[in-house]
Amino acid sequence: MTAGCIFCSIVAGSAPAHVVEEDARTIAFMDINPLVRGHVLVVPRAHAAELWEMAIDDGAALMRMTQRIAGAVHAAFAPDGVNLFHATGAAAGQTVFHVHMHVVPRWDGDAFRPPTIPQRGVDPDLETPAEAIRVALRS
């Protein structure tokens, strides 16, 4: 755990999050500034600020969980598509310096145009989509 890292605090359980799934190496939770409804972040439990600092096994676990979450988001919301994206470094738009993947459901005509730097969220209700994803993960 790295002091001052919000994702490390979420992993440790000392910061609140709408967790949709977790395992021994990763945790997935709702983005507090969602680009669209159903936007989920997937992070490795072990801190790595940059992608290339992450242990290979953590990277494999990150992709396995990302694939599961993308499938659950698709099942929960039936979007027209799904974007997965990651940014390493400020120049790439990284704002939290703990490796993470974004799972973003997409609908024809939605306002999201990647790549973008996250801004104030479009949906203050995080629990409803979090619960829909939890249900989809268990069905």
N, C-alpha and C. Protein backbone atom coordinates (compact mmCIF):
# COMPACT_ATOMS: atom_id res chain seq x y z
N MET A 1 0.84 -1.18 0.00
CA MET A 1 0.00 0.00 0.00
C MET A 1 0.89 1.24 0.00
N THR A 2 0.52 2.21 -0.81
CA THR A 2 1.26 3.44 -0.90
C THR A 2 0.45 4.56 -0.24
N ALA A 3 1.05 5.25 0.71
CA ALA A 3 0.38 6.35 1.42
C ALA A 3 -0.09 7.40 0.41
N GLY A 4 -1.30 7.87 0.60
CA GLY A 4 -1.85 8.90 -0.25
C GLY A 4 -2.49 8.41 -1.53
N CYS A 5 -2.42 7.12 -1.81
CA CYS A 5 -3.03 6.57 -3.02
C CYS A 5 -4.46 6.16 -2.71
N ILE A 6 -5.42 6.79 -3.35
CA ILE A 6 -6.83 6.50 -3.08
C ILE A 6 -7.18 5.06 -3.44
N PHE A 7 -6.60 4.51 -4.49
CA PHE A 7 -6.90 3.13 -4.85
C PHE A 7 -6.33 2.17 -3.82
N CYS A 8 -5.15 2.45 -3.27
CA CYS A 8 -4.61 1.62 -2.19
C CYS A 8 -5.53 1.69 -0.97
N SER A 9 -6.11 2.85 -0.71
CA SER A 9 -7.04 2.99 0.41
C SER A 9 -8.31 2.18 0.17
N ILE A 10 -8.79 2.15 -1.07
CA ILE A 10 -9.96 1.33 -1.41
C ILE A 10 -9.62 -0.14 -1.23
N VAL A 11 -8.46 -0.57 -1.74
CA VAL A 11 -8.03 -1.96 -1.60
C VAL A 11 -7.96 -2.34 -0.12
N ALA A 12 -7.47 -1.44 0.73
CA ALA A 12 -7.32 -1.71 2.16
C ALA A 12 -8.64 -1.64 2.91
N GLY A 13 -9.68 -1.12 2.26
CA GLY A 13 -10.98 -0.98 2.92
C GLY A 13 -11.11 0.26 3.76
N SER A 14 -10.16 1.18 3.65
CA SER A 14 -10.22 2.40 4.47
C SER A 14 -10.84 3.58 3.72
N ALA A 15 -11.17 3.42 2.45
CA ALA A 15 -11.90 4.42 1.68
C ALA A 15 -13.13 3.75 1.08
N PRO A 16 -14.24 4.46 1.00
CA PRO A 16 -15.47 3.85 0.48
C PRO A 16 -15.39 3.63 -1.03
N ALA A 17 -16.08 2.60 -1.47
CA ALA A 17 -16.19 2.30 -2.90
C ALA A 17 -17.39 1.40 -3.12
N HIS A 18 -17.96 1.49 -4.30
CA HIS A 18 -19.04 0.59 -4.71
C HIS A 18 -18.39 -0.57 -5.45
N VAL A 19 -17.96 -1.55 -4.67
CA VAL A 19 -17.24 -2.71 -5.21
C VAL A 19 -18.24 -3.63 -5.91
N VAL A 20 -17.87 -4.08 -7.12
CA VAL A 20 -18.73 -5.02 -7.84
C VAL A 20 -18.16 -6.42 -7.85
N GLU A 21 -16.83 -6.55 -7.69
CA GLU A 21 -16.21 -7.87 -7.66
C GLU A 21 -14.77 -7.71 -7.16
N GLU A 22 -14.25 -8.78 -6.55
CA GLU A 22 -12.86 -8.78 -6.12
C GLU A 22 -12.36 -10.20 -6.02
N ASP A 23 -11.05 -10.34 -6.12
CA ASP A 23 -10.41 -11.63 -5.92
C ASP A 23 -9.08 -11.37 -5.21
N ALA A 24 -8.23 -12.35 -5.14
CA ALA A 24 -6.99 -12.23 -4.38
C ALA A 24 -6.04 -11.18 -4.94
N ARG A 25 -6.10 -10.91 -6.25
CA ARG A 25 -5.16 -9.97 -6.87
C ARG A 25 -5.77 -8.67 -7.36
N THR A 26 -7.10 -8.62 -7.52
CA THR A 26 -7.74 -7.44 -8.13
C THR A 26 -9.02 -7.06 -7.40
N ILE A 27 -9.47 -5.85 -7.68
CA ILE A 27 -10.75 -5.37 -7.18
C ILE A 27 -11.36 -4.48 -8.25
N ALA A 28 -12.67 -4.58 -8.45
CA ALA A 28 -13.40 -3.78 -9.44
C ALA A 28 -14.47 -2.99 -8.71
N PHE A 29 -14.54 -1.70 -9.03
CA PHE A 29 -15.50 -0.82 -8.36
C PHE A 29 -15.94 0.28 -9.32
N MET A 30 -17.06 0.90 -8.99
CA MET A 30 -17.62 1.96 -9.82
C MET A 30 -16.71 3.19 -9.77
N ASP A 31 -16.51 3.81 -10.94
CA ASP A 31 -15.76 5.07 -11.02
C ASP A 31 -16.62 6.16 -10.39
N ILE A 32 -16.05 6.96 -9.47
CA ILE A 32 -16.85 8.01 -8.82
C ILE A 32 -17.14 9.18 -9.76
N ASN A 33 -16.46 9.24 -10.87
CA ASN A 33 -16.73 10.24 -11.91
C ASN A 33 -17.00 9.52 -13.22
N PRO A 34 -18.13 8.79 -13.28
CA PRO A 34 -18.38 7.95 -14.46
C PRO A 34 -18.55 8.77 -15.74
N LEU A 35 -17.93 8.28 -16.80
CA LEU A 35 -18.08 8.91 -18.11
C LEU A 35 -19.47 8.61 -18.68
N VAL A 36 -19.99 7.44 -18.38
CA VAL A 36 -21.35 7.03 -18.72
C VAL A 36 -21.82 6.10 -17.60
N ARG A 37 -23.10 5.82 -17.55
CA ARG A 37 -23.65 4.92 -16.54
C ARG A 37 -23.02 3.53 -16.70
N GLY A 38 -22.55 2.97 -15.59
CA GLY A 38 -21.97 1.64 -15.63
C GLY A 38 -20.45 1.61 -15.76
N HIS A 39 -19.79 2.76 -15.72
CA HIS A 39 -18.33 2.87 -15.84
C HIS A 39 -17.67 2.24 -14.61
N VAL A 40 -16.82 1.23 -14.83
CA VAL A 40 -16.18 0.48 -13.75
C VAL A 40 -14.66 0.61 -13.89
N LEU A 41 -13.97 0.65 -12.74
CA LEU A 41 -12.51 0.60 -12.70
C LEU A 41 -12.08 -0.76 -12.17
N VAL A 42 -11.03 -1.31 -12.75
CA VAL A 42 -10.45 -2.57 -12.28
C VAL A 42 -9.00 -2.28 -11.94
N VAL A 43 -8.61 -2.60 -10.71
CA VAL A 43 -7.25 -2.28 -10.25
C VAL A 43 -6.59 -3.51 -9.63
N PRO A 44 -5.26 -3.61 -9.77
CA PRO A 44 -4.55 -4.66 -9.03
C PRO A 44 -4.47 -4.25 -7.57
N ARG A 45 -4.50 -5.21 -6.67
CA ARG A 45 -4.36 -4.91 -5.24
C ARG A 45 -2.97 -4.37 -4.92
N ALA A 46 -1.95 -4.90 -5.58
CA ALA A 46 -0.58 -4.44 -5.35
C ALA A 46 -0.37 -3.11 -6.08
N HIS A 47 0.18 -2.14 -5.38
CA HIS A 47 0.40 -0.82 -5.98
C HIS A 47 1.50 -0.87 -7.04
N ALA A 48 1.20 -0.30 -8.18
CA ALA A 48 2.18 -0.01 -9.23
C ALA A 48 1.67 1.25 -9.90
N ALA A 49 2.47 2.30 -9.91
CA ALA A 49 2.04 3.56 -10.49
C ALA A 49 1.95 3.48 -12.01
N GLU A 50 2.85 2.73 -12.61
CA GLU A 50 2.92 2.64 -14.06
C GLU A 50 2.77 1.19 -14.51
N LEU A 51 2.20 1.02 -15.66
CA LEU A 51 1.90 -0.31 -16.18
C LEU A 51 3.12 -1.23 -16.15
N TRP A 52 4.25 -0.74 -16.56
CA TRP A 52 5.45 -1.58 -16.63
C TRP A 52 6.05 -1.89 -15.28
N GLU A 53 5.57 -1.26 -14.21
CA GLU A 53 6.01 -1.59 -12.85
C GLU A 53 5.23 -2.76 -12.26
N MET A 54 4.10 -3.06 -12.87
CA MET A 54 3.21 -4.09 -12.34
C MET A 54 3.77 -5.48 -12.59
N ALA A 55 3.65 -6.36 -11.59
CA ALA A 55 4.08 -7.75 -11.76
C ALA A 55 3.26 -8.40 -12.88
N ILE A 56 3.90 -9.24 -13.65
CA ILE A 56 3.25 -9.92 -14.78
C ILE A 56 2.01 -10.67 -14.31
N ASP A 57 2.09 -11.38 -13.19
CA ASP A 57 0.94 -12.11 -12.69
C ASP A 57 -0.20 -11.18 -12.31
N ASP A 58 0.12 -9.98 -11.81
CA ASP A 58 -0.92 -9.00 -11.51
C ASP A 58 -1.56 -8.48 -12.80
N GLY A 59 -0.73 -8.31 -13.85
CA GLY A 59 -1.27 -7.88 -15.14
C GLY A 59 -2.21 -8.91 -15.73
N ALA A 60 -1.84 -10.18 -15.62
CA ALA A 60 -2.71 -11.25 -16.12
C ALA A 60 -4.02 -11.27 -15.34
N ALA A 61 -3.91 -11.12 -14.03
CA ALA A 61 -5.12 -11.10 -13.18
C ALA A 61 -5.98 -9.88 -13.50
N LEU A 62 -5.34 -8.75 -13.77
CA LEU A 62 -6.06 -7.53 -14.13
C LEU A 62 -6.87 -7.74 -15.40
N MET A 63 -6.26 -8.36 -16.41
CA MET A 63 -6.99 -8.60 -17.66
C MET A 63 -8.09 -9.63 -17.49
N ARG A 64 -7.83 -10.67 -16.69
CA ARG A 64 -8.90 -11.65 -16.45
C ARG A 64 -10.12 -10.98 -15.81
N MET A 65 -9.89 -10.15 -14.79
CA MET A 65 -11.00 -9.46 -14.13
C MET A 65 -11.63 -8.44 -15.08
N THR A 66 -10.84 -7.75 -15.86
CA THR A 66 -11.38 -6.78 -16.82
C THR A 66 -12.31 -7.47 -17.81
N GLN A 67 -11.92 -8.64 -18.29
CA GLN A 67 -12.76 -9.39 -19.23
C GLN A 67 -14.07 -9.80 -18.55
N ARG A 68 -13.99 -10.27 -17.30
CA ARG A 68 -15.21 -10.65 -16.56
C ARG A 68 -16.13 -9.46 -16.37
N ILE A 69 -15.56 -8.32 -15.98
CA ILE A 69 -16.37 -7.13 -15.73
C ILE A 69 -16.98 -6.63 -17.03
N ALA A 70 -16.23 -6.63 -18.12
CA ALA A 70 -16.78 -6.21 -19.42
C ALA A 70 -17.97 -7.08 -19.81
N GLY A 71 -17.86 -8.39 -19.59
CA GLY A 71 -18.98 -9.28 -19.87
C GLY A 71 -20.18 -8.98 -18.98
N ALA A 72 -19.93 -8.69 -17.71
CA ALA A 72 -21.02 -8.37 -16.79
C ALA A 72 -21.68 -7.04 -17.13
N VAL A 73 -20.87 -6.05 -17.51
CA VAL A 73 -21.41 -4.76 -17.93
C VAL A 73 -22.29 -4.95 -19.17
N HIS A 74 -21.81 -5.77 -20.11
CA HIS A 74 -22.61 -6.06 -21.31
C HIS A 74 -23.92 -6.73 -20.94
N ALA A 75 -23.87 -7.70 -20.03
CA ALA A 75 -25.08 -8.41 -19.61
C ALA A 75 -26.02 -7.50 -18.83
N ALA A 76 -25.47 -6.61 -18.01
CA ALA A 76 -26.28 -5.75 -17.16
C ALA A 76 -26.97 -4.63 -17.92
N PHE A 77 -26.30 -4.07 -18.93
CA PHE A 77 -26.80 -2.85 -19.58
C PHE A 77 -27.09 -2.99 -21.07
N ALA A 78 -26.65 -4.06 -21.70
CA ALA A 78 -26.83 -4.27 -23.15
C ALA A 78 -26.40 -3.04 -23.96
N PRO A 79 -25.18 -2.55 -23.72
CA PRO A 79 -24.72 -1.39 -24.50
C PRO A 79 -24.43 -1.78 -25.95
N ASP A 80 -24.28 -0.77 -26.79
CA ASP A 80 -23.93 -1.01 -28.19
C ASP A 80 -22.46 -1.41 -28.35
N GLY A 81 -21.65 -1.11 -27.34
CA GLY A 81 -20.24 -1.45 -27.37
C GLY A 81 -19.63 -1.23 -25.99
N VAL A 82 -18.39 -1.57 -25.83
CA VAL A 82 -17.66 -1.38 -24.57
C VAL A 82 -16.25 -0.91 -24.91
N ASN A 83 -15.81 0.17 -24.26
CA ASN A 83 -14.41 0.59 -24.36
C ASN A 83 -13.65 0.11 -23.15
N LEU A 84 -12.44 -0.38 -23.37
CA LEU A 84 -11.49 -0.66 -22.30
C LEU A 84 -10.34 0.29 -22.53
N PHE A 85 -9.93 0.99 -21.49
CA PHE A 85 -8.75 1.81 -21.68
C PHE A 85 -7.95 1.97 -20.40
N HIS A 86 -6.68 2.25 -20.62
CA HIS A 86 -5.72 2.44 -19.55
C HIS A 86 -4.84 3.61 -19.95
N ALA A 87 -4.42 4.40 -18.98
CA ALA A 87 -3.47 5.48 -19.24
C ALA A 87 -2.35 5.38 -18.21
N THR A 88 -1.13 5.44 -18.68
CA THR A 88 0.02 5.52 -17.78
C THR A 88 0.68 6.87 -18.02
N GLY A 89 0.78 7.67 -16.98
CA GLY A 89 1.43 8.98 -17.04
C GLY A 89 0.45 10.11 -17.26
N ALA A 90 0.81 11.26 -16.73
CA ALA A 90 -0.04 12.44 -16.83
C ALA A 90 -0.31 12.83 -18.28
N ALA A 91 0.69 12.71 -19.14
CA ALA A 91 0.51 13.08 -20.53
C ALA A 91 -0.53 12.22 -21.23
N ALA A 92 -0.72 11.00 -20.73
CA ALA A 92 -1.72 10.10 -21.30
C ALA A 92 -3.09 10.30 -20.67
N GLY A 93 -3.16 11.14 -19.65
CA GLY A 93 -4.42 11.40 -18.97
C GLY A 93 -4.57 10.68 -17.65
N GLN A 94 -3.53 10.00 -17.17
CA GLN A 94 -3.62 9.31 -15.88
C GLN A 94 -3.74 10.35 -14.77
N THR A 95 -4.74 10.18 -13.92
CA THR A 95 -4.96 11.11 -12.81
C THR A 95 -4.79 10.44 -11.45
N VAL A 96 -4.93 9.13 -11.39
CA VAL A 96 -4.65 8.37 -10.17
C VAL A 96 -3.48 7.45 -10.53
N PHE A 97 -2.39 7.60 -9.81
CA PHE A 97 -1.16 6.91 -10.19
C PHE A 97 -1.03 5.56 -9.50
N HIS A 98 -2.00 4.71 -9.83
CA HIS A 98 -2.09 3.29 -9.47
C HIS A 98 -2.68 2.66 -10.72
N VAL A 99 -2.00 1.70 -11.31
CA VAL A 99 -2.46 1.08 -12.55
C VAL A 99 -3.94 0.72 -12.43
N HIS A 100 -4.69 1.03 -13.47
CA HIS A 100 -6.11 0.66 -13.50
C HIS A 100 -6.61 0.62 -14.93
N MET A 101 -7.65 -0.19 -15.12
CA MET A 101 -8.33 -0.30 -16.41
C MET A 101 -9.73 0.27 -16.26
N HIS A 102 -10.15 1.02 -17.26
CA HIS A 102 -11.52 1.53 -17.32
C HIS A 102 -12.34 0.59 -18.19
N VAL A 103 -13.53 0.24 -17.72
CA VAL A 103 -14.50 -0.52 -18.50
C VAL A 103 -15.68 0.42 -18.69
N VAL A 104 -15.88 0.87 -19.93
CA VAL A 104 -16.87 1.91 -20.21
C VAL A 104 -17.89 1.41 -21.23
N PRO A 105 -19.14 1.17 -20.78
CA PRO A 105 -20.17 0.79 -21.75
C PRO A 105 -20.44 1.96 -22.69
N ARG A 106 -20.76 1.64 -23.94
CA ARG A 106 -20.98 2.68 -24.95
C ARG A 106 -22.30 2.48 -25.65
N TRP A 107 -22.97 3.59 -25.94
CA TRP A 107 -24.22 3.59 -26.68
C TRP A 107 -24.06 4.50 -27.88
N ASP A 108 -24.65 4.10 -29.00
CA ASP A 108 -24.64 4.96 -30.18
C ASP A 108 -25.14 6.33 -29.78
N GLY A 109 -24.37 7.36 -30.11
CA GLY A 109 -24.79 8.73 -29.84
C GLY A 109 -24.46 9.25 -28.46
N ASP A 110 -23.80 8.44 -27.60
CA ASP A 110 -23.46 8.97 -26.27
C ASP A 110 -22.40 10.06 -26.43
N ALA A 111 -22.19 10.82 -25.37
CA ALA A 111 -21.31 11.99 -25.44
C ALA A 111 -19.83 11.67 -25.24
N PHE A 112 -19.49 10.46 -24.81
CA PHE A 112 -18.11 10.13 -24.50
C PHE A 112 -17.29 9.98 -25.78
N ARG A 113 -16.16 10.64 -25.83
CA ARG A 113 -15.25 10.52 -26.97
C ARG A 113 -13.84 10.25 -26.45
N PRO A 114 -13.42 8.98 -26.41
CA PRO A 114 -12.08 8.69 -25.90
C PRO A 114 -11.02 9.16 -26.89
N PRO A 115 -9.79 9.39 -26.45
CA PRO A 115 -9.41 9.46 -25.04
C PRO A 115 -9.84 10.79 -24.43
N THR A 116 -10.08 10.76 -23.17
CA THR A 116 -10.49 11.96 -22.46
C THR A 116 -9.93 11.93 -21.06
N ILE A 117 -9.80 13.06 -20.45
CA ILE A 117 -9.42 13.14 -19.04
C ILE A 117 -10.73 13.18 -18.26
N PRO A 118 -10.91 12.26 -17.29
CA PRO A 118 -12.17 12.23 -16.55
C PRO A 118 -12.50 13.58 -15.92
N GLN A 119 -13.76 13.91 -16.02
CA GLN A 119 -14.28 15.15 -15.44
C GLN A 119 -15.41 14.80 -14.50
N ARG A 120 -16.06 15.79 -13.96
CA ARG A 120 -17.16 15.58 -13.03
C ARG A 120 -18.12 14.54 -13.61
N GLY A 121 -18.55 13.64 -12.77
CA GLY A 121 -19.39 12.53 -13.20
C GLY A 121 -20.73 12.94 -13.76
N VAL A 122 -21.27 12.09 -14.61
CA VAL A 122 -22.57 12.34 -15.22
C VAL A 122 -23.71 11.67 -14.46
N ASP A 123 -23.37 10.79 -13.52
CA ASP A 123 -24.40 10.03 -12.84
C ASP A 123 -24.06 9.92 -11.36
N PRO A 124 -24.75 10.68 -10.50
CA PRO A 124 -24.44 10.59 -9.07
C PRO A 124 -24.91 9.29 -8.42
N ASP A 125 -25.80 8.54 -9.06
CA ASP A 125 -26.30 7.28 -8.52
C ASP A 125 -25.34 6.16 -8.92
N LEU A 126 -24.48 5.77 -8.00
CA LEU A 126 -23.52 4.71 -8.29
C LEU A 126 -24.02 3.35 -7.83
N GLU A 127 -24.88 3.32 -6.82
CA GLU A 127 -25.30 2.04 -6.26
C GLU A 127 -26.17 1.24 -7.23
N THR A 128 -27.06 1.90 -7.95
CA THR A 128 -27.95 1.17 -8.86
C THR A 128 -27.18 0.43 -9.94
N PRO A 129 -26.27 1.09 -10.67
CA PRO A 129 -25.51 0.32 -11.66
C PRO A 129 -24.55 -0.68 -11.01
N ALA A 130 -24.03 -0.33 -9.82
CA ALA A 130 -23.15 -1.29 -9.13
C ALA A 130 -23.91 -2.58 -8.83
N GLU A 131 -25.15 -2.45 -8.35
CA GLU A 131 -25.94 -3.63 -8.03
C GLU A 131 -26.29 -4.43 -9.30
N ALA A 132 -26.58 -3.72 -10.40
CA ALA A 132 -26.88 -4.42 -11.66
C ALA A 132 -25.69 -5.26 -12.11
N ILE A 133 -24.49 -4.73 -11.94
CA ILE A 133 -23.28 -5.47 -12.32
C ILE A 133 -23.05 -6.64 -11.37
N ARG A 134 -23.28 -6.42 -10.06
CA ARG A 134 -23.14 -7.52 -9.11
C ARG A 134 -24.06 -8.68 -9.46
N VAL A 135 -25.31 -8.35 -9.81
CA VAL A 135 -26.29 -9.37 -10.18
C VAL A 135 -25.82 -10.11 -11.43
N ALA A 136 -25.36 -9.36 -12.42
CA ALA A 136 -24.89 -9.98 -13.66
C ALA A 136 -23.70 -10.90 -13.42
N LEU A 137 -22.81 -10.52 -12.50
CA LEU A 137 -21.65 -11.35 -12.21
C LEU A 137 -22.05 -12.70 -11.59
N ARG A 138 -23.16 -12.73 -10.90
CA ARG A 138 -23.57 -13.94 -10.20
C ARG A 138 -24.57 -14.79 -10.98
N SER A 139 -24.96 -14.29 -12.16
CA SER A 139 -25.95 -15.08 -12.93
C SER A 139 -25.29 -15.91 -14.00
